[in-house]
Amino acid sequence: MWSVKRALQRDARKAVDAYWAGDVRRETDGKAWRLELGLSREGMERRAYRHMENSKHLGHHVTKALVMHQADEVFETSVSRHLFPDASGRRHGRPMTGRWWDYTRIPGRARSHTTARKWETFRLHGTLAGHLAAYRHRSLDRAVTTPEQAAMLPPDVRVLEQPHRLPTPYALRDGSQRAR
């Protein structure tokens, strides 16, 4: 997702520079000029889709919903804060490409293109029982064997843990997954 965000930030910076360079077009019809340059939420989403479709590896690792939400975040945090002043009349600076070290989260939800008023989020690969078997916390009571039992535990009890190196899951005959 970092590569998508970086590409969108670079595209946003170039489009914003073109917007401010087009003095006559901006003064004549600024809204149409922004739409033509793709400086809208939908324009940023289309750019993100193109980046994903042109990439050979991204299609295997991210969904369009995640890419769309990343585009929404770039638009809100960079483009709209620069183009439109806040309540005090101040604008933020030009959109910049952030550093990899500052990329600490993936936006979680995105609007569905197929169903109105529906939100999509990450898909869990495998089952909850499979995750409990593979990534069980070492201090979790052995009597807890199902996700339903784990859900009944108090909030301060750790159920899953992530090791420094994730084990490679392999498929069992019954279709479930288990760590090696």
N, C-alpha and C. Protein backbone atom coordinates (compact mmCIF):
# COMPACT_ATOMS: atom_id res chain seq x y z
N MET A 1 0.81 -1.19 0.00
CA MET A 1 0.00 0.00 0.00
C MET A 1 0.86 1.27 0.00
N TRP A 2 2.08 1.14 0.53
CA TRP A 2 2.94 2.31 0.52
C TRP A 2 3.24 2.77 -0.90
N SER A 3 3.44 1.83 -1.82
CA SER A 3 3.75 2.21 -3.20
C SER A 3 2.56 2.93 -3.84
N VAL A 4 1.35 2.54 -3.50
CA VAL A 4 0.16 3.22 -4.01
C VAL A 4 0.10 4.64 -3.46
N LYS A 5 0.32 4.78 -2.16
CA LYS A 5 0.25 6.12 -1.56
C LYS A 5 1.33 7.03 -2.12
N ARG A 6 2.53 6.52 -2.28
CA ARG A 6 3.62 7.33 -2.81
C ARG A 6 3.31 7.78 -4.24
N ALA A 7 2.80 6.87 -5.07
CA ALA A 7 2.46 7.23 -6.45
C ALA A 7 1.35 8.28 -6.48
N LEU A 8 0.35 8.12 -5.62
CA LEU A 8 -0.74 9.09 -5.58
C LEU A 8 -0.25 10.44 -5.08
N GLN A 9 0.66 10.47 -4.12
CA GLN A 9 1.19 11.74 -3.63
C GLN A 9 1.98 12.45 -4.73
N ARG A 10 2.76 11.70 -5.50
CA ARG A 10 3.50 12.30 -6.61
C ARG A 10 2.54 12.85 -7.66
N ASP A 11 1.51 12.06 -8.00
CA ASP A 11 0.52 12.52 -8.98
C ASP A 11 -0.21 13.76 -8.48
N ALA A 12 -0.57 13.77 -7.21
CA ALA A 12 -1.29 14.91 -6.65
C ALA A 12 -0.43 16.17 -6.70
N ARG A 13 0.84 16.03 -6.40
CA ARG A 13 1.74 17.18 -6.43
C ARG A 13 1.85 17.76 -7.85
N LYS A 14 1.98 16.87 -8.83
CA LYS A 14 2.07 17.34 -10.22
C LYS A 14 0.77 18.01 -10.66
N ALA A 15 -0.36 17.44 -10.30
CA ALA A 15 -1.64 18.02 -10.69
C ALA A 15 -1.88 19.36 -10.01
N VAL A 16 -1.50 19.48 -8.74
CA VAL A 16 -1.66 20.75 -8.03
C VAL A 16 -0.76 21.82 -8.63
N ASP A 17 0.47 21.44 -9.01
CA ASP A 17 1.36 22.39 -9.67
C ASP A 17 0.77 22.87 -10.99
N ALA A 18 0.18 21.95 -11.76
CA ALA A 18 -0.46 22.33 -13.02
C ALA A 18 -1.66 23.24 -12.77
N TYR A 19 -2.40 22.96 -11.71
CA TYR A 19 -3.56 23.79 -11.38
C TYR A 19 -3.15 25.22 -11.10
N TRP A 20 -2.11 25.41 -10.29
CA TRP A 20 -1.70 26.77 -9.95
C TRP A 20 -0.98 27.45 -11.11
N ALA A 21 -0.39 26.67 -12.02
CA ALA A 21 0.29 27.26 -13.18
C ALA A 21 -0.71 27.76 -14.21
N GLY A 22 -1.90 27.19 -14.27
CA GLY A 22 -2.92 27.60 -15.25
C GLY A 22 -3.74 28.76 -14.75
N ASP A 23 -3.15 29.94 -14.71
CA ASP A 23 -3.82 31.12 -14.15
C ASP A 23 -5.13 31.44 -14.86
N VAL A 24 -5.11 31.47 -16.19
CA VAL A 24 -6.29 31.88 -16.95
C VAL A 24 -7.40 30.85 -16.77
N ARG A 25 -7.06 29.57 -16.87
CA ARG A 25 -8.07 28.51 -16.72
C ARG A 25 -8.64 28.52 -15.30
N ARG A 26 -7.79 28.76 -14.32
CA ARG A 26 -8.24 28.77 -12.93
C ARG A 26 -9.19 29.94 -12.67
N GLU A 27 -8.88 31.10 -13.23
CA GLU A 27 -9.73 32.27 -13.02
C GLU A 27 -11.03 32.17 -13.82
N THR A 28 -10.99 31.52 -14.98
CA THR A 28 -12.19 31.38 -15.81
C THR A 28 -13.18 30.42 -15.18
N ASP A 29 -12.74 29.18 -14.92
CA ASP A 29 -13.61 28.18 -14.31
C ASP A 29 -12.74 27.21 -13.52
N GLY A 30 -12.49 27.56 -12.27
CA GLY A 30 -11.59 26.77 -11.43
C GLY A 30 -12.08 25.35 -11.18
N LYS A 31 -13.38 25.20 -11.00
CA LYS A 31 -13.92 23.87 -10.72
C LYS A 31 -13.73 22.93 -11.91
N ALA A 32 -14.02 23.40 -13.11
CA ALA A 32 -13.83 22.57 -14.31
C ALA A 32 -12.36 22.24 -14.51
N TRP A 33 -11.47 23.20 -14.22
CA TRP A 33 -10.04 22.98 -14.35
C TRP A 33 -9.57 21.92 -13.36
N ARG A 34 -10.07 21.96 -12.12
CA ARG A 34 -9.72 20.93 -11.13
C ARG A 34 -10.21 19.56 -11.58
N LEU A 35 -11.43 19.49 -12.09
CA LEU A 35 -11.97 18.21 -12.55
C LEU A 35 -11.19 17.66 -13.73
N GLU A 36 -10.78 18.54 -14.63
CA GLU A 36 -10.00 18.10 -15.79
C GLU A 36 -8.64 17.55 -15.37
N LEU A 37 -8.06 18.13 -14.35
CA LEU A 37 -6.77 17.66 -13.85
C LEU A 37 -6.91 16.44 -12.93
N GLY A 38 -8.12 16.08 -12.57
CA GLY A 38 -8.32 14.94 -11.68
C GLY A 38 -8.15 15.29 -10.22
N LEU A 39 -8.32 16.54 -9.87
CA LEU A 39 -8.18 16.98 -8.48
C LEU A 39 -9.53 16.90 -7.77
N SER A 40 -10.06 15.71 -7.72
CA SER A 40 -11.29 15.43 -7.00
C SER A 40 -11.13 14.05 -6.38
N ARG A 41 -12.03 13.72 -5.49
CA ARG A 41 -11.97 12.40 -4.85
C ARG A 41 -12.06 11.29 -5.91
N GLU A 42 -12.99 11.43 -6.84
CA GLU A 42 -13.16 10.41 -7.88
C GLU A 42 -11.95 10.38 -8.81
N GLY A 43 -11.38 11.54 -9.09
CA GLY A 43 -10.19 11.59 -9.93
C GLY A 43 -9.01 10.88 -9.30
N MET A 44 -8.85 11.07 -8.00
CA MET A 44 -7.76 10.38 -7.30
C MET A 44 -8.01 8.88 -7.26
N GLU A 45 -9.26 8.48 -7.12
CA GLU A 45 -9.58 7.05 -7.13
C GLU A 45 -9.27 6.44 -8.49
N ARG A 46 -9.59 7.15 -9.57
CA ARG A 46 -9.27 6.63 -10.90
C ARG A 46 -7.77 6.50 -11.10
N ARG A 47 -7.01 7.47 -10.58
CA ARG A 47 -5.54 7.38 -10.66
C ARG A 47 -5.04 6.15 -9.90
N ALA A 48 -5.61 5.92 -8.74
CA ALA A 48 -5.19 4.78 -7.94
C ALA A 48 -5.49 3.47 -8.65
N TYR A 49 -6.65 3.38 -9.28
CA TYR A 49 -7.00 2.17 -10.02
C TYR A 49 -6.01 1.94 -11.15
N ARG A 50 -5.65 3.00 -11.86
CA ARG A 50 -4.69 2.85 -12.96
C ARG A 50 -3.35 2.35 -12.44
N HIS A 51 -2.91 2.88 -11.31
CA HIS A 51 -1.64 2.41 -10.73
C HIS A 51 -1.74 0.93 -10.39
N MET A 52 -2.85 0.53 -9.81
CA MET A 52 -3.01 -0.87 -9.43
C MET A 52 -3.07 -1.77 -10.66
N GLU A 53 -3.80 -1.36 -11.67
CA GLU A 53 -3.94 -2.18 -12.86
C GLU A 53 -2.65 -2.25 -13.67
N ASN A 54 -1.85 -1.20 -13.65
CA ASN A 54 -0.59 -1.20 -14.39
C ASN A 54 0.52 -1.95 -13.66
N SER A 55 0.34 -2.16 -12.38
CA SER A 55 1.34 -2.88 -11.60
C SER A 55 1.12 -4.38 -11.73
N LYS A 56 2.20 -5.12 -11.81
CA LYS A 56 2.08 -6.57 -11.94
C LYS A 56 1.84 -7.24 -10.60
N HIS A 57 2.36 -6.68 -9.52
CA HIS A 57 2.25 -7.36 -8.23
C HIS A 57 1.12 -6.86 -7.35
N LEU A 58 0.67 -5.64 -7.51
CA LEU A 58 -0.34 -5.10 -6.60
C LEU A 58 -1.67 -5.82 -6.69
N GLY A 59 -2.04 -6.30 -7.87
CA GLY A 59 -3.30 -7.01 -8.04
C GLY A 59 -3.38 -8.28 -7.21
N HIS A 60 -2.24 -8.83 -6.85
CA HIS A 60 -2.21 -10.05 -6.05
C HIS A 60 -2.25 -9.76 -4.55
N HIS A 61 -1.98 -8.52 -4.17
CA HIS A 61 -1.80 -8.22 -2.75
C HIS A 61 -2.83 -7.28 -2.15
N VAL A 62 -3.49 -6.45 -2.96
CA VAL A 62 -4.44 -5.50 -2.42
C VAL A 62 -5.75 -5.58 -3.20
N THR A 63 -6.82 -5.13 -2.58
CA THR A 63 -8.11 -5.08 -3.25
C THR A 63 -8.36 -3.67 -3.75
N LYS A 64 -9.31 -3.55 -4.67
CA LYS A 64 -9.66 -2.21 -5.17
C LYS A 64 -10.24 -1.36 -4.06
N ALA A 65 -10.90 -1.98 -3.11
CA ALA A 65 -11.47 -1.23 -1.99
C ALA A 65 -10.36 -0.56 -1.18
N LEU A 66 -9.27 -1.26 -0.92
CA LEU A 66 -8.17 -0.66 -0.17
C LEU A 66 -7.50 0.45 -0.97
N VAL A 67 -7.33 0.23 -2.26
CA VAL A 67 -6.72 1.25 -3.11
C VAL A 67 -7.59 2.49 -3.15
N MET A 68 -8.91 2.29 -3.23
CA MET A 68 -9.82 3.42 -3.25
C MET A 68 -9.74 4.21 -1.94
N HIS A 69 -9.67 3.51 -0.83
CA HIS A 69 -9.61 4.23 0.43
C HIS A 69 -8.27 4.95 0.60
N GLN A 70 -7.20 4.37 0.08
CA GLN A 70 -5.90 5.05 0.12
C GLN A 70 -5.99 6.34 -0.70
N ALA A 71 -6.66 6.29 -1.85
CA ALA A 71 -6.83 7.48 -2.67
C ALA A 71 -7.65 8.54 -1.94
N ASP A 72 -8.70 8.11 -1.24
CA ASP A 72 -9.51 9.05 -0.46
C ASP A 72 -8.67 9.73 0.62
N GLU A 73 -7.80 8.96 1.26
CA GLU A 73 -6.97 9.55 2.30
C GLU A 73 -5.99 10.56 1.73
N VAL A 74 -5.37 10.24 0.60
CA VAL A 74 -4.44 11.19 -0.03
C VAL A 74 -5.18 12.46 -0.44
N PHE A 75 -6.38 12.30 -0.98
CA PHE A 75 -7.14 13.48 -1.38
C PHE A 75 -7.46 14.35 -0.16
N GLU A 76 -7.95 13.74 0.91
CA GLU A 76 -8.34 14.51 2.10
C GLU A 76 -7.14 15.15 2.78
N THR A 77 -6.06 14.41 2.95
CA THR A 77 -4.94 14.92 3.74
C THR A 77 -4.01 15.83 2.95
N SER A 78 -3.97 15.69 1.64
CA SER A 78 -3.03 16.48 0.85
C SER A 78 -3.72 17.49 -0.05
N VAL A 79 -4.56 17.00 -0.93
CA VAL A 79 -5.10 17.85 -1.99
C VAL A 79 -6.14 18.83 -1.47
N SER A 80 -7.17 18.34 -0.79
CA SER A 80 -8.24 19.25 -0.37
C SER A 80 -7.75 20.26 0.67
N ARG A 81 -6.83 19.85 1.52
CA ARG A 81 -6.30 20.79 2.52
C ARG A 81 -5.45 21.86 1.89
N HIS A 82 -4.90 21.56 0.70
CA HIS A 82 -4.10 22.56 0.00
C HIS A 82 -4.97 23.47 -0.86
N LEU A 83 -5.95 22.90 -1.54
CA LEU A 83 -6.76 23.69 -2.48
C LEU A 83 -7.80 24.56 -1.79
N PHE A 84 -8.38 24.06 -0.72
CA PHE A 84 -9.49 24.76 -0.08
C PHE A 84 -9.08 25.23 1.31
N PRO A 85 -9.24 26.51 1.62
CA PRO A 85 -8.84 27.01 2.93
C PRO A 85 -9.76 26.50 4.05
N ASP A 86 -9.21 26.44 5.26
CA ASP A 86 -10.01 26.02 6.41
C ASP A 86 -10.82 27.21 6.93
N ALA A 87 -11.44 27.06 8.08
CA ALA A 87 -12.32 28.10 8.63
C ALA A 87 -11.57 29.40 8.89
N SER A 88 -10.29 29.31 9.20
CA SER A 88 -9.52 30.53 9.46
C SER A 88 -8.97 31.16 8.19
N GLY A 89 -9.19 30.52 7.03
CA GLY A 89 -8.73 31.08 5.76
C GLY A 89 -7.34 30.62 5.37
N ARG A 90 -6.76 29.69 6.11
CA ARG A 90 -5.40 29.22 5.82
C ARG A 90 -5.44 27.94 4.99
N ARG A 91 -4.45 27.80 4.13
CA ARG A 91 -4.27 26.59 3.34
C ARG A 91 -3.01 25.87 3.82
N HIS A 92 -2.99 24.56 3.59
CA HIS A 92 -1.78 23.80 3.89
C HIS A 92 -0.88 23.83 2.67
N GLY A 93 0.37 23.48 2.84
CA GLY A 93 1.34 23.54 1.75
C GLY A 93 1.09 22.54 0.65
N ARG A 94 1.95 22.59 -0.36
CA ARG A 94 1.83 21.67 -1.50
C ARG A 94 1.87 20.23 -1.02
N PRO A 95 1.15 19.35 -1.71
CA PRO A 95 1.25 17.92 -1.37
C PRO A 95 2.69 17.44 -1.56
N MET A 96 3.14 16.66 -0.61
CA MET A 96 4.51 16.14 -0.66
C MET A 96 4.47 14.62 -0.56
N THR A 97 5.50 13.99 -1.07
CA THR A 97 5.64 12.55 -0.94
C THR A 97 6.20 12.28 0.45
N GLY A 98 5.46 11.49 1.22
CA GLY A 98 5.89 11.18 2.57
C GLY A 98 7.03 10.16 2.59
N ARG A 99 7.55 9.93 3.76
CA ARG A 99 8.63 8.95 3.93
C ARG A 99 8.03 7.59 4.29
N TRP A 100 8.74 6.55 3.91
CA TRP A 100 8.30 5.20 4.21
C TRP A 100 8.18 4.99 5.71
N TRP A 101 9.06 5.60 6.47
CA TRP A 101 9.06 5.41 7.93
C TRP A 101 7.85 6.04 8.59
N ASP A 102 7.23 7.01 7.93
CA ASP A 102 6.05 7.67 8.48
C ASP A 102 4.76 6.95 8.12
N TYR A 103 4.85 5.95 7.26
CA TYR A 103 3.65 5.22 6.83
C TYR A 103 3.36 4.15 7.87
N THR A 104 2.43 4.45 8.77
CA THR A 104 2.21 3.57 9.92
C THR A 104 0.88 2.85 9.90
N ARG A 105 -0.01 3.18 8.96
CA ARG A 105 -1.31 2.52 8.96
C ARG A 105 -1.86 2.44 7.56
N ILE A 106 -2.70 1.45 7.33
CA ILE A 106 -3.43 1.32 6.08
C ILE A 106 -4.86 1.75 6.37
N PRO A 107 -5.42 2.64 5.57
CA PRO A 107 -6.81 3.01 5.80
C PRO A 107 -7.69 1.78 5.76
N GLY A 108 -8.66 1.70 6.66
CA GLY A 108 -9.38 0.46 6.87
C GLY A 108 -10.60 0.21 6.04
N ARG A 109 -11.34 1.20 5.63
CA ARG A 109 -12.61 0.92 4.98
C ARG A 109 -12.75 1.74 3.71
N ALA A 110 -13.57 1.23 2.80
CA ALA A 110 -13.81 1.92 1.55
C ALA A 110 -15.24 1.66 1.10
N ARG A 111 -15.78 2.57 0.30
CA ARG A 111 -17.13 2.40 -0.22
C ARG A 111 -17.15 1.30 -1.26
N SER A 112 -18.24 0.59 -1.32
CA SER A 112 -18.43 -0.45 -2.32
C SER A 112 -18.90 0.18 -3.62
N HIS A 113 -18.40 -0.33 -4.74
CA HIS A 113 -18.84 0.17 -6.03
C HIS A 113 -20.12 -0.53 -6.49
N THR A 114 -20.41 -1.67 -5.92
CA THR A 114 -21.53 -2.46 -6.41
C THR A 114 -22.82 -2.24 -5.64
N THR A 115 -22.72 -1.93 -4.35
CA THR A 115 -23.91 -1.79 -3.52
C THR A 115 -23.87 -0.43 -2.81
N ALA A 116 -24.97 0.27 -2.87
CA ALA A 116 -25.05 1.57 -2.20
C ALA A 116 -25.06 1.38 -0.69
N ARG A 117 -24.47 2.33 0.03
CA ARG A 117 -24.44 2.35 1.49
C ARG A 117 -23.79 1.10 2.08
N LYS A 118 -22.80 0.54 1.37
CA LYS A 118 -22.07 -0.63 1.86
C LYS A 118 -20.59 -0.28 1.91
N TRP A 119 -19.93 -0.76 2.95
CA TRP A 119 -18.51 -0.50 3.12
C TRP A 119 -17.76 -1.82 3.10
N GLU A 120 -16.61 -1.83 2.47
CA GLU A 120 -15.78 -3.01 2.41
C GLU A 120 -14.53 -2.78 3.24
N THR A 121 -13.94 -3.84 3.71
CA THR A 121 -12.73 -3.71 4.50
C THR A 121 -11.84 -4.91 4.20
N PHE A 122 -10.85 -5.15 5.01
CA PHE A 122 -9.93 -6.25 4.77
C PHE A 122 -10.66 -7.58 4.77
N ARG A 123 -10.16 -8.48 3.96
CA ARG A 123 -10.69 -9.84 3.97
C ARG A 123 -9.73 -10.71 4.76
N LEU A 124 -10.28 -11.53 5.61
CA LEU A 124 -9.47 -12.45 6.39
C LEU A 124 -9.25 -13.71 5.56
N HIS A 125 -8.00 -14.04 5.33
CA HIS A 125 -7.68 -15.26 4.60
C HIS A 125 -7.55 -16.39 5.60
N GLY A 126 -8.31 -17.43 5.43
CA GLY A 126 -8.34 -18.52 6.39
C GLY A 126 -9.54 -18.36 7.30
N THR A 127 -9.55 -19.12 8.36
CA THR A 127 -10.65 -19.06 9.31
C THR A 127 -10.16 -18.52 10.63
N LEU A 128 -11.10 -18.10 11.47
CA LEU A 128 -10.72 -17.65 12.80
C LEU A 128 -10.11 -18.79 13.61
N ALA A 129 -10.67 -19.98 13.44
CA ALA A 129 -10.11 -21.14 14.14
C ALA A 129 -8.69 -21.42 13.67
N GLY A 130 -8.44 -21.24 12.39
CA GLY A 130 -7.09 -21.44 11.86
C GLY A 130 -6.11 -20.42 12.41
N HIS A 131 -6.55 -19.17 12.54
CA HIS A 131 -5.69 -18.15 13.13
C HIS A 131 -5.43 -18.44 14.59
N LEU A 132 -6.44 -18.92 15.29
CA LEU A 132 -6.26 -19.25 16.70
C LEU A 132 -5.26 -20.40 16.85
N ALA A 133 -5.31 -21.36 15.94
CA ALA A 133 -4.37 -22.48 16.00
C ALA A 133 -2.96 -22.05 15.64
N ALA A 134 -2.82 -21.16 14.66
CA ALA A 134 -1.49 -20.78 14.19
C ALA A 134 -0.84 -19.69 15.03
N TYR A 135 -1.60 -18.74 15.51
CA TYR A 135 -1.03 -17.57 16.18
C TYR A 135 -1.54 -17.42 17.61
N ARG A 136 -1.77 -18.50 18.27
CA ARG A 136 -2.26 -18.50 19.65
C ARG A 136 -1.23 -17.84 20.57
N HIS A 137 -1.71 -17.00 21.48
CA HIS A 137 -0.80 -16.35 22.44
C HIS A 137 -0.32 -17.39 23.44
N ARG A 138 0.94 -17.29 23.81
CA ARG A 138 1.53 -18.32 24.68
C ARG A 138 0.92 -18.35 26.08
N SER A 139 0.31 -17.25 26.52
CA SER A 139 -0.29 -17.23 27.86
C SER A 139 -1.78 -17.56 27.86
N LEU A 140 -2.36 -17.84 26.70
CA LEU A 140 -3.78 -18.15 26.61
C LEU A 140 -4.04 -19.55 27.17
N ASP A 141 -5.09 -19.66 27.98
CA ASP A 141 -5.45 -20.92 28.60
C ASP A 141 -5.73 -21.97 27.52
N ARG A 142 -5.22 -23.19 27.71
CA ARG A 142 -5.39 -24.28 26.73
C ARG A 142 -6.85 -24.73 26.62
N ALA A 143 -7.68 -24.37 27.57
CA ALA A 143 -9.09 -24.74 27.51
C ALA A 143 -9.83 -23.96 26.43
N VAL A 144 -9.27 -22.82 26.01
CA VAL A 144 -9.88 -22.01 24.95
C VAL A 144 -9.44 -22.61 23.62
N THR A 145 -10.39 -23.23 22.91
CA THR A 145 -10.06 -23.91 21.66
C THR A 145 -10.83 -23.37 20.47
N THR A 146 -11.87 -22.59 20.68
CA THR A 146 -12.66 -22.08 19.57
C THR A 146 -12.71 -20.55 19.61
N PRO A 147 -12.97 -19.92 18.46
CA PRO A 147 -13.12 -18.46 18.44
C PRO A 147 -14.26 -17.98 19.32
N GLU A 148 -15.31 -18.77 19.46
CA GLU A 148 -16.44 -18.38 20.30
C GLU A 148 -16.01 -18.27 21.76
N GLN A 149 -15.20 -19.22 22.22
CA GLN A 149 -14.69 -19.17 23.59
C GLN A 149 -13.76 -17.97 23.76
N ALA A 150 -12.94 -17.69 22.76
CA ALA A 150 -12.02 -16.55 22.83
C ALA A 150 -12.79 -15.23 22.87
N ALA A 151 -13.92 -15.16 22.19
CA ALA A 151 -14.72 -13.93 22.18
C ALA A 151 -15.34 -13.65 23.54
N MET A 152 -15.54 -14.67 24.35
CA MET A 152 -16.15 -14.49 25.67
C MET A 152 -15.15 -14.04 26.73
N LEU A 153 -13.86 -14.02 26.41
CA LEU A 153 -12.85 -13.63 27.38
C LEU A 153 -12.90 -12.13 27.63
N PRO A 154 -12.41 -11.69 28.79
CA PRO A 154 -12.35 -10.24 29.05
C PRO A 154 -11.44 -9.53 28.04
N PRO A 155 -11.64 -8.23 27.83
CA PRO A 155 -10.87 -7.51 26.81
C PRO A 155 -9.37 -7.46 27.07
N ASP A 156 -8.93 -7.58 28.32
CA ASP A 156 -7.50 -7.48 28.60
C ASP A 156 -6.75 -8.79 28.39
N VAL A 157 -7.42 -9.89 28.05
CA VAL A 157 -6.76 -11.18 27.83
C VAL A 157 -6.28 -11.23 26.38
N ARG A 158 -5.01 -11.54 26.20
CA ARG A 158 -4.44 -11.65 24.86
C ARG A 158 -4.77 -13.02 24.28
N VAL A 159 -5.29 -13.00 23.07
CA VAL A 159 -5.69 -14.24 22.40
C VAL A 159 -4.67 -14.62 21.32
N LEU A 160 -4.28 -13.66 20.49
CA LEU A 160 -3.36 -13.92 19.39
C LEU A 160 -2.08 -13.15 19.60
N GLU A 161 -0.99 -13.66 19.02
CA GLU A 161 0.27 -12.92 19.02
C GLU A 161 0.92 -13.08 17.66
N GLN A 162 1.72 -12.11 17.30
CA GLN A 162 2.41 -12.16 16.03
C GLN A 162 3.88 -12.37 16.30
N PRO A 163 4.44 -13.51 15.86
CA PRO A 163 5.87 -13.74 16.07
C PRO A 163 6.71 -12.82 15.18
N HIS A 164 8.00 -12.76 15.48
CA HIS A 164 8.88 -11.91 14.68
C HIS A 164 8.89 -12.35 13.22
N ARG A 165 8.90 -13.64 12.98
CA ARG A 165 8.79 -14.18 11.62
C ARG A 165 7.53 -15.01 11.55
N LEU A 166 6.64 -14.65 10.65
CA LEU A 166 5.39 -15.39 10.54
C LEU A 166 5.65 -16.75 9.90
N PRO A 167 5.09 -17.81 10.48
CA PRO A 167 5.27 -19.12 9.87
C PRO A 167 4.46 -19.21 8.58
N THR A 168 4.93 -20.01 7.66
CA THR A 168 4.23 -20.20 6.40
C THR A 168 3.08 -21.18 6.61
N PRO A 169 1.86 -20.77 6.32
CA PRO A 169 0.74 -21.70 6.50
C PRO A 169 0.71 -22.71 5.36
N TYR A 170 0.23 -23.87 5.64
CA TYR A 170 0.04 -24.87 4.60
C TYR A 170 -1.34 -25.47 4.78
N ALA A 171 -1.92 -25.91 3.69
CA ALA A 171 -3.29 -26.41 3.72
C ALA A 171 -3.32 -27.85 4.23
N LEU A 172 -4.27 -28.13 5.10
CA LEU A 172 -4.47 -29.48 5.58
C LEU A 172 -5.50 -30.17 4.70
N ARG A 173 -5.65 -31.44 4.87
CA ARG A 173 -6.60 -32.19 4.05
C ARG A 173 -8.04 -31.73 4.25
N ASP A 174 -8.38 -31.28 5.43
CA ASP A 174 -9.76 -30.86 5.69
C ASP A 174 -10.04 -29.44 5.20
N GLY A 175 -9.05 -28.77 4.58
CA GLY A 175 -9.27 -27.45 4.03
C GLY A 175 -8.85 -26.33 4.97
N SER A 176 -8.58 -26.64 6.23
CA SER A 176 -8.15 -25.60 7.17
C SER A 176 -6.66 -25.33 6.95
N GLN A 177 -6.16 -24.30 7.58
CA GLN A 177 -4.75 -23.99 7.45
C GLN A 177 -4.08 -24.06 8.82
N ARG A 178 -2.83 -24.40 8.79
CA ARG A 178 -2.08 -24.52 10.02
C ARG A 178 -0.65 -24.07 9.76
N ALA A 179 0.00 -23.49 10.74
CA ALA A 179 1.37 -23.02 10.57
C ALA A 179 2.32 -24.19 10.68
N ARG A 180 3.41 -24.10 9.96
CA ARG A 180 4.43 -25.15 10.01
C ARG A 180 5.23 -25.05 11.27
